[in-house]
N, C-alpha and C. Protein backbone atom coordinates (compact mmCIF):
# COMPACT_ATOMS: atom_id res chain seq x y z
N UNK A 1 -25.23 -30.78 -2.99
CA UNK A 1 -24.21 -29.93 -3.83
C UNK A 1 -23.02 -29.45 -2.79
N UNK A 2 -21.95 -29.64 -3.24
CA UNK A 2 -20.73 -29.25 -2.47
C UNK A 2 -20.34 -27.86 -2.79
N UNK A 3 -20.18 -27.26 -1.71
CA UNK A 3 -19.61 -25.67 -1.74
C UNK A 3 -18.09 -25.70 -1.62
N UNK A 4 -17.46 -24.97 -2.55
CA UNK A 4 -16.13 -24.84 -2.33
C UNK A 4 -15.79 -23.35 -1.66
N UNK A 5 -15.01 -23.12 -0.84
CA UNK A 5 -14.75 -21.87 -0.32
C UNK A 5 -13.46 -21.53 -1.08
N UNK A 6 -13.49 -20.14 -1.38
CA UNK A 6 -12.24 -19.59 -2.10
C UNK A 6 -11.46 -18.76 -1.18
N UNK A 7 -10.34 -18.86 -1.23
CA UNK A 7 -9.37 -18.00 -0.20
C UNK A 7 -8.74 -16.88 -1.20
N UNK A 8 -8.70 -15.74 -0.48
CA UNK A 8 -8.23 -14.66 -1.21
C UNK A 8 -6.67 -14.93 -1.24
N UNK A 9 -6.06 -14.28 -2.35
CA UNK A 9 -4.67 -14.43 -2.52
C UNK A 9 -3.88 -13.78 -1.46
N UNK A 10 -2.81 -14.23 -1.16
CA UNK A 10 -1.95 -13.63 -0.05
C UNK A 10 -1.56 -12.27 -0.60
N UNK A 11 -1.45 -11.34 0.37
CA UNK A 11 -1.13 -10.11 0.01
C UNK A 11 0.39 -9.93 -0.04
N UNK A 12 0.86 -9.07 -1.03
CA UNK A 12 2.33 -8.94 -1.09
C UNK A 12 2.88 -8.05 -0.02
N UNK A 13 1.97 -7.09 0.37
CA UNK A 13 2.21 -6.19 1.38
C UNK A 13 1.43 -6.11 2.52
N UNK A 14 1.77 -6.12 3.67
CA UNK A 14 0.96 -6.25 4.91
C UNK A 14 0.00 -4.98 5.02
N UNK A 15 -1.10 -5.19 5.56
CA UNK A 15 -2.01 -3.96 5.83
C UNK A 15 -1.50 -2.97 6.66
N UNK A 16 -0.60 -3.39 7.64
CA UNK A 16 0.05 -2.31 8.42
C UNK A 16 1.02 -1.53 7.74
N UNK A 17 1.84 -2.07 6.69
CA UNK A 17 2.61 -1.41 5.88
C UNK A 17 1.89 -0.46 5.02
N UNK A 18 0.77 -0.94 4.45
CA UNK A 18 -0.20 -0.06 3.53
C UNK A 18 -0.62 1.15 4.35
N UNK A 19 -1.17 1.03 5.57
CA UNK A 19 -1.55 2.04 6.39
C UNK A 19 -0.43 3.10 6.85
N UNK A 20 0.72 2.48 7.07
CA UNK A 20 1.94 3.37 7.54
C UNK A 20 2.24 4.15 6.38
N UNK A 21 2.29 3.70 5.16
CA UNK A 21 2.83 4.18 4.00
C UNK A 21 1.80 5.36 3.61
N UNK A 22 0.53 5.24 3.77
CA UNK A 22 -0.33 6.38 3.48
C UNK A 22 -0.33 7.43 4.46
N UNK A 23 -0.15 7.10 5.76
CA UNK A 23 -0.05 7.96 6.83
C UNK A 23 1.20 8.94 6.72
N UNK A 24 2.33 8.26 6.36
CA UNK A 24 3.63 8.89 6.03
C UNK A 24 3.36 9.93 4.87
N UNK A 25 2.68 9.56 3.82
CA UNK A 25 2.68 10.43 2.63
C UNK A 25 1.70 11.53 3.07
N UNK A 26 0.73 11.36 3.90
CA UNK A 26 -0.25 12.44 4.35
C UNK A 26 0.38 13.46 5.26
N UNK A 27 1.05 12.91 6.14
CA UNK A 27 1.60 13.79 7.30
C UNK A 27 2.97 14.48 7.00
N UNK A 28 3.69 14.16 5.95
CA UNK A 28 4.96 14.73 5.57
C UNK A 28 4.78 16.01 4.79
N UNK A 29 5.46 16.97 5.33
CA UNK A 29 5.32 18.31 4.60
C UNK A 29 6.71 18.78 4.29
N UNK A 30 7.04 19.16 3.12
CA UNK A 30 6.15 19.05 1.95
C UNK A 30 5.92 17.78 1.47
N UNK A 31 4.98 17.45 0.69
CA UNK A 31 4.60 16.09 0.19
C UNK A 31 5.85 15.48 -0.44
N UNK A 32 6.21 14.27 -0.04
CA UNK A 32 7.23 13.60 -0.78
C UNK A 32 6.79 12.99 -2.03
N UNK A 33 7.93 12.98 -3.02
CA UNK A 33 7.62 12.27 -4.23
C UNK A 33 7.27 10.68 -3.92
N UNK A 34 6.22 10.32 -4.69
CA UNK A 34 5.71 9.05 -4.42
C UNK A 34 6.80 7.88 -4.73
N UNK A 35 7.57 8.21 -5.70
CA UNK A 35 8.54 7.24 -6.14
C UNK A 35 9.67 7.07 -5.10
N UNK A 36 10.10 8.22 -4.45
CA UNK A 36 11.05 8.20 -3.56
C UNK A 36 10.63 7.55 -2.14
N UNK A 37 9.50 7.98 -1.77
CA UNK A 37 8.81 7.31 -0.63
C UNK A 37 8.66 5.81 -0.72
N UNK A 38 8.24 5.49 -2.04
CA UNK A 38 8.21 4.06 -2.20
C UNK A 38 9.40 3.13 -2.10
N UNK A 39 10.56 3.77 -2.58
CA UNK A 39 11.77 3.15 -2.50
C UNK A 39 12.15 3.00 -1.11
N UNK A 40 12.04 4.13 -0.41
CA UNK A 40 12.31 4.23 1.01
C UNK A 40 11.69 3.03 1.66
N UNK A 41 10.41 2.82 1.52
CA UNK A 41 9.48 1.83 2.13
C UNK A 41 9.71 0.35 1.68
N UNK A 42 10.31 0.25 0.49
CA UNK A 42 10.54 -1.08 -0.08
C UNK A 42 9.29 -1.60 -0.84
N UNK A 43 8.57 -0.62 -1.42
CA UNK A 43 7.25 -1.03 -2.07
C UNK A 43 7.44 -0.51 -3.54
N UNK A 44 6.50 -0.94 -4.40
CA UNK A 44 6.39 -0.60 -5.88
C UNK A 44 5.77 0.76 -5.88
N UNK A 45 6.24 1.71 -6.53
CA UNK A 45 5.57 3.00 -6.58
C UNK A 45 4.13 2.99 -7.16
N UNK A 46 3.72 2.17 -8.08
CA UNK A 46 2.41 2.15 -8.33
C UNK A 46 1.46 1.47 -7.32
N UNK A 47 2.05 0.62 -6.43
CA UNK A 47 1.27 0.25 -5.39
C UNK A 47 0.82 1.19 -4.38
N UNK A 48 1.93 1.97 -3.96
CA UNK A 48 1.92 3.27 -3.10
C UNK A 48 0.81 4.32 -3.66
N UNK A 49 0.98 4.62 -5.16
CA UNK A 49 -0.04 5.59 -5.66
C UNK A 49 -1.26 5.03 -5.64
N UNK A 50 -1.64 3.74 -5.80
CA UNK A 50 -3.01 3.13 -5.67
C UNK A 50 -3.50 3.20 -4.16
N UNK A 51 -2.71 3.03 -3.20
CA UNK A 51 -3.17 3.10 -1.96
C UNK A 51 -3.40 4.34 -1.52
N UNK A 52 -2.76 5.36 -1.91
CA UNK A 52 -2.99 6.84 -1.64
C UNK A 52 -4.33 7.20 -2.23
N UNK A 53 -4.62 6.78 -3.49
CA UNK A 53 -5.88 7.03 -4.26
C UNK A 53 -6.95 6.52 -3.42
N UNK A 54 -6.90 5.22 -2.98
CA UNK A 54 -7.96 4.65 -2.21
C UNK A 54 -8.28 5.04 -1.00
N UNK A 55 -7.35 5.68 -0.29
CA UNK A 55 -7.46 6.18 1.18
C UNK A 55 -8.24 7.39 1.18
């Protein structure tokens, strides 16, 4: 029987960007609006919101 390996889809945003974005959100006081921070970082606001929830 032949096994096929599946590759994960390429990520739209790098892991480094994701970690930096979450860190920026957590360390900024007062907390920035997610939409504004996402625009500043060049990411989709819902992506940033999900990363923050997961972290």
